[in-house]
């Protein structure tokens, strides 16, 4: 999560569908384990954009 924060915090991420799916899973796992809140989860998912 720290690497993400350092490089991608609040920036739109444009990538292919496969990478987006992996990032979605990562963010969902973070939410499930109480590392992030639901509003933060929704924000992160909103920043993912498919090329």
PDB file of N, CA and C in Angstrom:
ATOM      1  N   UNK A   1       0.831  -1.191   0.000  1.00  0.00           N
ATOM      2  CA  UNK A   1       0.000   0.000   0.000  1.00  0.00           C
ATOM      3  C   UNK A   1       0.880   1.262   0.000  1.00  0.00           C
ATOM      4  N   UNK A   2       2.000   1.216   0.682  1.00  0.00           N
ATOM      5  CA  UNK A   2       2.893   2.375   0.718  1.00  0.00           C
ATOM      6  C   UNK A   2       3.439   2.708  -0.674  1.00  0.00           C
ATOM      7  N   UNK A   3       3.807   1.685  -1.442  1.00  0.00           N
ATOM      8  CA  UNK A   3       4.302   1.916  -2.809  1.00  0.00           C
ATOM      9  C   UNK A   3       3.214   2.573  -3.635  1.00  0.00           C
ATOM     10  N   UNK A   4       1.979   2.084  -3.504  1.00  0.00           N
ATOM     11  CA  UNK A   4       0.858   2.687  -4.227  1.00  0.00           C
ATOM     12  C   UNK A   4       0.728   4.159  -3.844  1.00  0.00           C
ATOM     13  N   UNK A   5       0.748   4.432  -2.552  1.00  0.00           N
ATOM     14  CA  UNK A   5       0.586   5.816  -2.082  1.00  0.00           C
ATOM     15  C   UNK A   5       1.683   6.726  -2.627  1.00  0.00           C
ATOM     16  N   UNK A   6       2.912   6.227  -2.642  1.00  0.00           N
ATOM     17  CA  UNK A   6       4.040   7.036  -3.106  1.00  0.00           C
ATOM     18  C   UNK A   6       3.944   7.390  -4.585  1.00  0.00           C
ATOM     19  N   UNK A   7       3.429   6.486  -5.402  1.00  0.00           N
ATOM     20  CA  UNK A   7       3.471   6.675  -6.853  1.00  0.00           C
ATOM     21  C   UNK A   7       2.131   6.983  -7.515  1.00  0.00           C
ATOM     22  N   UNK A   8       1.026   6.544  -6.914  1.00  0.00           N
ATOM     23  CA  UNK A   8      -0.251   6.621  -7.621  1.00  0.00           C
ATOM     24  C   UNK A   8      -1.386   7.275  -6.839  1.00  0.00           C
ATOM     25  N   UNK A   9      -1.125   7.764  -5.651  1.00  0.00           N
ATOM     26  CA  UNK A   9      -2.181   8.332  -4.820  1.00  0.00           C
ATOM     27  C   UNK A   9      -2.966   9.405  -5.567  1.00  0.00           C
ATOM     28  N   UNK A  10      -4.282   9.227  -5.661  1.00  0.00           N
ATOM     29  CA  UNK A  10      -5.218  10.183  -6.278  1.00  0.00           C
ATOM     30  C   UNK A  10      -4.903  10.511  -7.735  1.00  0.00           C
ATOM     31  N   UNK A  11      -4.255   9.601  -8.450  1.00  0.00           N
ATOM     32  CA  UNK A  11      -4.001   9.782  -9.880  1.00  0.00           C
ATOM     33  C   UNK A  11      -4.781   8.726 -10.640  1.00  0.00           C
ATOM     34  N   UNK A  12      -5.327   9.102 -11.805  1.00  0.00           N
ATOM     35  CA  UNK A  12      -6.002   8.111 -12.642  1.00  0.00           C
ATOM     36  C   UNK A  12      -4.961   7.148 -13.189  1.00  0.00           C
ATOM     37  N   UNK A  13      -5.325   5.885 -13.219  1.00  0.00           N
ATOM     38  CA  UNK A  13      -4.425   4.846 -13.719  1.00  0.00           C
ATOM     39  C   UNK A  13      -5.028   4.286 -14.998  1.00  0.00           C
ATOM     40  N   UNK A  14      -4.335   4.484 -16.115  1.00  0.00           N
ATOM     41  CA  UNK A  14      -4.777   3.967 -17.407  1.00  0.00           C
ATOM     42  C   UNK A  14      -3.957   2.726 -17.721  1.00  0.00           C
ATOM     43  N   UNK A  15      -4.625   1.589 -17.852  1.00  0.00           N
ATOM     44  CA  UNK A  15      -3.929   0.331 -18.120  1.00  0.00           C
ATOM     45  C   UNK A  15      -4.897  -0.662 -18.755  1.00  0.00           C
ATOM     46  N   UNK A  16      -4.399  -1.860 -19.035  1.00  0.00           N
ATOM     47  CA  UNK A  16      -5.261  -2.857 -19.675  1.00  0.00           C
ATOM     48  C   UNK A  16      -6.162  -3.552 -18.651  1.00  0.00           C
ATOM     49  N   UNK A  17      -7.130  -4.269 -19.165  1.00  0.00           N
ATOM     50  CA  UNK A  17      -8.162  -4.901 -18.355  1.00  0.00           C
ATOM     51  C   UNK A  17      -7.587  -5.875 -17.318  1.00  0.00           C
ATOM     52  N   UNK A  18      -6.566  -6.629 -17.698  1.00  0.00           N
ATOM     53  CA  UNK A  18      -5.974  -7.616 -16.796  1.00  0.00           C
ATOM     54  C   UNK A  18      -5.367  -6.944 -15.563  1.00  0.00           C
ATOM     55  N   UNK A  19      -4.649  -5.849 -15.768  1.00  0.00           N
ATOM     56  CA  UNK A  19      -4.032  -5.118 -14.650  1.00  0.00           C
ATOM     57  C   UNK A  19      -5.112  -4.475 -13.786  1.00  0.00           C
ATOM     58  N   UNK A  20      -6.141  -3.926 -14.418  1.00  0.00           N
ATOM     59  CA  UNK A  20      -7.241  -3.324 -13.669  1.00  0.00           C
ATOM     60  C   UNK A  20      -7.888  -4.364 -12.758  1.00  0.00           C
ATOM     61  N   UNK A  21      -8.095  -5.568 -13.246  1.00  0.00           N
ATOM     62  CA  UNK A  21      -8.694  -6.632 -12.432  1.00  0.00           C
ATOM     63  C   UNK A  21      -7.825  -6.958 -11.224  1.00  0.00           C
ATOM     64  N   UNK A  22      -6.517  -6.997 -11.417  1.00  0.00           N
ATOM     65  CA  UNK A  22      -5.602  -7.277 -10.309  1.00  0.00           C
ATOM     66  C   UNK A  22      -5.622  -6.141  -9.287  1.00  0.00           C
ATOM     67  N   UNK A  23      -5.666  -4.904  -9.758  1.00  0.00           N
ATOM     68  CA  UNK A  23      -5.739  -3.766  -8.847  1.00  0.00           C
ATOM     69  C   UNK A  23      -7.060  -3.756  -8.086  1.00  0.00           C
ATOM     70  N   UNK A  24      -8.147  -4.083  -8.761  1.00  0.00           N
ATOM     71  CA  UNK A  24      -9.448  -4.160  -8.088  1.00  0.00           C
ATOM     72  C   UNK A  24      -9.410  -5.189  -6.972  1.00  0.00           C
ATOM     73  N   UNK A  25      -8.844  -6.351  -7.260  1.00  0.00           N
ATOM     74  CA  UNK A  25      -8.732  -7.393  -6.238  1.00  0.00           C
ATOM     75  C   UNK A  25      -7.891  -6.906  -5.068  1.00  0.00           C
ATOM     76  N   UNK A  26      -6.776  -6.229  -5.361  1.00  0.00           N
ATOM     77  CA  UNK A  26      -5.914  -5.700  -4.304  1.00  0.00           C
ATOM     78  C   UNK A  26      -6.696  -4.733  -3.414  1.00  0.00           C
ATOM     79  N   UNK A  27      -7.417  -3.786  -4.025  1.00  0.00           N
ATOM     80  CA  UNK A  27      -8.175  -2.810  -3.248  1.00  0.00           C
ATOM     81  C   UNK A  27      -9.294  -3.471  -2.454  1.00  0.00           C
ATOM     82  N   UNK A  28      -9.956  -4.471  -3.042  1.00  0.00           N
ATOM     83  CA  UNK A  28     -11.006  -5.197  -2.319  1.00  0.00           C
ATOM     84  C   UNK A  28     -10.426  -5.956  -1.129  1.00  0.00           C
ATOM     85  N   UNK A  29      -9.260  -6.553  -1.308  1.00  0.00           N
ATOM     86  CA  UNK A  29      -8.593  -7.242  -0.200  1.00  0.00           C
ATOM     87  C   UNK A  29      -8.240  -6.250   0.908  1.00  0.00           C
ATOM     88  N   UNK A  30      -7.763  -5.078   0.526  1.00  0.00           N
ATOM     89  CA  UNK A  30      -7.445  -4.043   1.513  1.00  0.00           C
ATOM     90  C   UNK A  30      -8.689  -3.645   2.298  1.00  0.00           C
ATOM     91  N   UNK A  31      -9.799  -3.491   1.616  1.00  0.00           N
ATOM     92  CA  UNK A  31     -11.060  -3.141   2.267  1.00  0.00           C
ATOM     93  C   UNK A  31     -11.525  -4.267   3.183  1.00  0.00           C
ATOM     94  N   UNK A  32     -11.462  -5.485   2.683  1.00  0.00           N
ATOM     95  CA  UNK A  32     -11.899  -6.654   3.450  1.00  0.00           C
ATOM     96  C   UNK A  32     -11.099  -6.799   4.751  1.00  0.00           C
ATOM     97  N   UNK A  33      -9.819  -6.425   4.715  1.00  0.00           N
ATOM     98  CA  UNK A  33      -8.955  -6.557   5.881  1.00  0.00           C
ATOM     99  C   UNK A  33      -8.836  -5.258   6.690  1.00  0.00           C
ATOM    100  N   UNK A  34      -9.746  -4.328   6.409  1.00  0.00           N
ATOM    101  CA  UNK A  34      -9.848  -3.071   7.163  1.00  0.00           C
ATOM    102  C   UNK A  34      -8.625  -2.159   7.049  1.00  0.00           C
ATOM    103  N   UNK A  35      -7.914  -2.239   5.937  1.00  0.00           N
ATOM    104  CA  UNK A  35      -6.800  -1.314   5.696  1.00  0.00           C
ATOM    105  C   UNK A  35      -7.294   0.002   5.106  1.00  0.00           C
ATOM    106  N   UNK A  36      -8.428  -0.057   4.393  1.00  0.00           N
ATOM    107  CA  UNK A  36      -9.036   1.145   3.827  1.00  0.00           C
ATOM    108  C   UNK A  36     -10.532   1.105   4.111  1.00  0.00           C
ATOM    109  N   UNK A  37     -11.164   2.269   4.072  1.00  0.00           N
ATOM    110  CA  UNK A  37     -12.608   2.368   4.304  1.00  0.00           C
ATOM    111  C   UNK A  37     -13.363   2.236   2.976  1.00  0.00           C
ATOM    112  N   UNK A  38     -14.670   2.098   3.081  1.00  0.00           N
ATOM    113  CA  UNK A  38     -15.489   1.986   1.868  1.00  0.00           C
ATOM    114  C   UNK A  38     -15.370   3.223   0.977  1.00  0.00           C
ATOM    115  N   UNK A  39     -15.429   4.446   1.522  1.00  0.00           N
ATOM    116  CA  UNK A  39     -15.259   5.617   0.644  1.00  0.00           C
ATOM    117  C   UNK A  39     -13.905   5.626  -0.072  1.00  0.00           C
ATOM    118  N   UNK A  40     -12.846   5.203   0.627  1.00  0.00           N
ATOM    119  CA  UNK A  40     -11.523   5.144  -0.003  1.00  0.00           C
ATOM    120  C   UNK A  40     -11.528   4.083  -1.100  1.00  0.00           C
ATOM    121  N   UNK A  41     -12.140   2.935  -0.834  1.00  0.00           N
ATOM    122  CA  UNK A  41     -12.260   1.878  -1.846  1.00  0.00           C
ATOM    123  C   UNK A  41     -12.958   2.402  -3.091  1.00  0.00           C
ATOM    124  N   UNK A  42     -14.085   3.065  -2.912  1.00  0.00           N
ATOM    125  CA  UNK A  42     -14.841   3.571  -4.054  1.00  0.00           C
ATOM    126  C   UNK A  42     -14.018   4.600  -4.835  1.00  0.00           C
ATOM    127  N   UNK A  43     -13.263   5.425  -4.129  1.00  0.00           N
ATOM    128  CA  UNK A  43     -12.409   6.413  -4.784  1.00  0.00           C
ATOM    129  C   UNK A  43     -11.341   5.707  -5.623  1.00  0.00           C
ATOM    130  N   UNK A  44     -10.678   4.722  -5.035  1.00  0.00           N
ATOM    131  CA  UNK A  44      -9.614   3.994  -5.745  1.00  0.00           C
ATOM    132  C   UNK A  44     -10.163   3.316  -6.994  1.00  0.00           C
ATOM    133  N   UNK A  45     -11.301   2.659  -6.881  1.00  0.00           N
ATOM    134  CA  UNK A  45     -11.888   1.974  -8.041  1.00  0.00           C
ATOM    135  C   UNK A  45     -12.276   2.973  -9.124  1.00  0.00           C
ATOM    136  N   UNK A  46     -12.678   4.175  -8.728  1.00  0.00           N
ATOM    137  CA  UNK A  46     -13.040   5.211  -9.685  1.00  0.00           C
ATOM    138  C   UNK A  46     -11.865   5.779 -10.460  1.00  0.00           C
ATOM    139  N   UNK A  47     -10.651   5.569  -9.952  1.00  0.00           N
ATOM    140  CA  UNK A  47      -9.454   6.085 -10.621  1.00  0.00           C
ATOM    141  C   UNK A  47      -8.904   5.130 -11.670  1.00  0.00           C
ATOM    142  N   UNK A  48      -9.423   3.914 -11.729  1.00  0.00           N
ATOM    143  CA  UNK A  48      -8.927   2.919 -12.695  1.00  0.00           C
ATOM    144  C   UNK A  48      -9.627   3.113 -14.036  1.00  0.00           C
ATOM    145  N   UNK A  49      -8.836   3.281 -15.082  1.00  0.00           N
ATOM    146  CA  UNK A  49      -9.369   3.522 -16.430  1.00  0.00           C
ATOM    147  C   UNK A  49      -8.726   2.540 -17.416  1.00  0.00           C
ATOM    148  N   UNK A  50      -9.547   1.957 -18.260  1.00  0.00           N
ATOM    149  CA  UNK A  50      -9.046   1.010 -19.264  1.00  0.00           C
ATOM    150  C   UNK A  50      -8.530   1.751 -20.494  1.00  0.00           C
ATOM    151  N   UNK A  51      -7.342   1.333 -20.968  1.00  0.00           N
ATOM    152  CA  UNK A  51      -6.774   1.893 -22.207  1.00  0.00           C
ATOM    153  C   UNK A  51      -7.617   1.532 -23.390  1.00  0.00           C
TER     154      UNK A  51
END
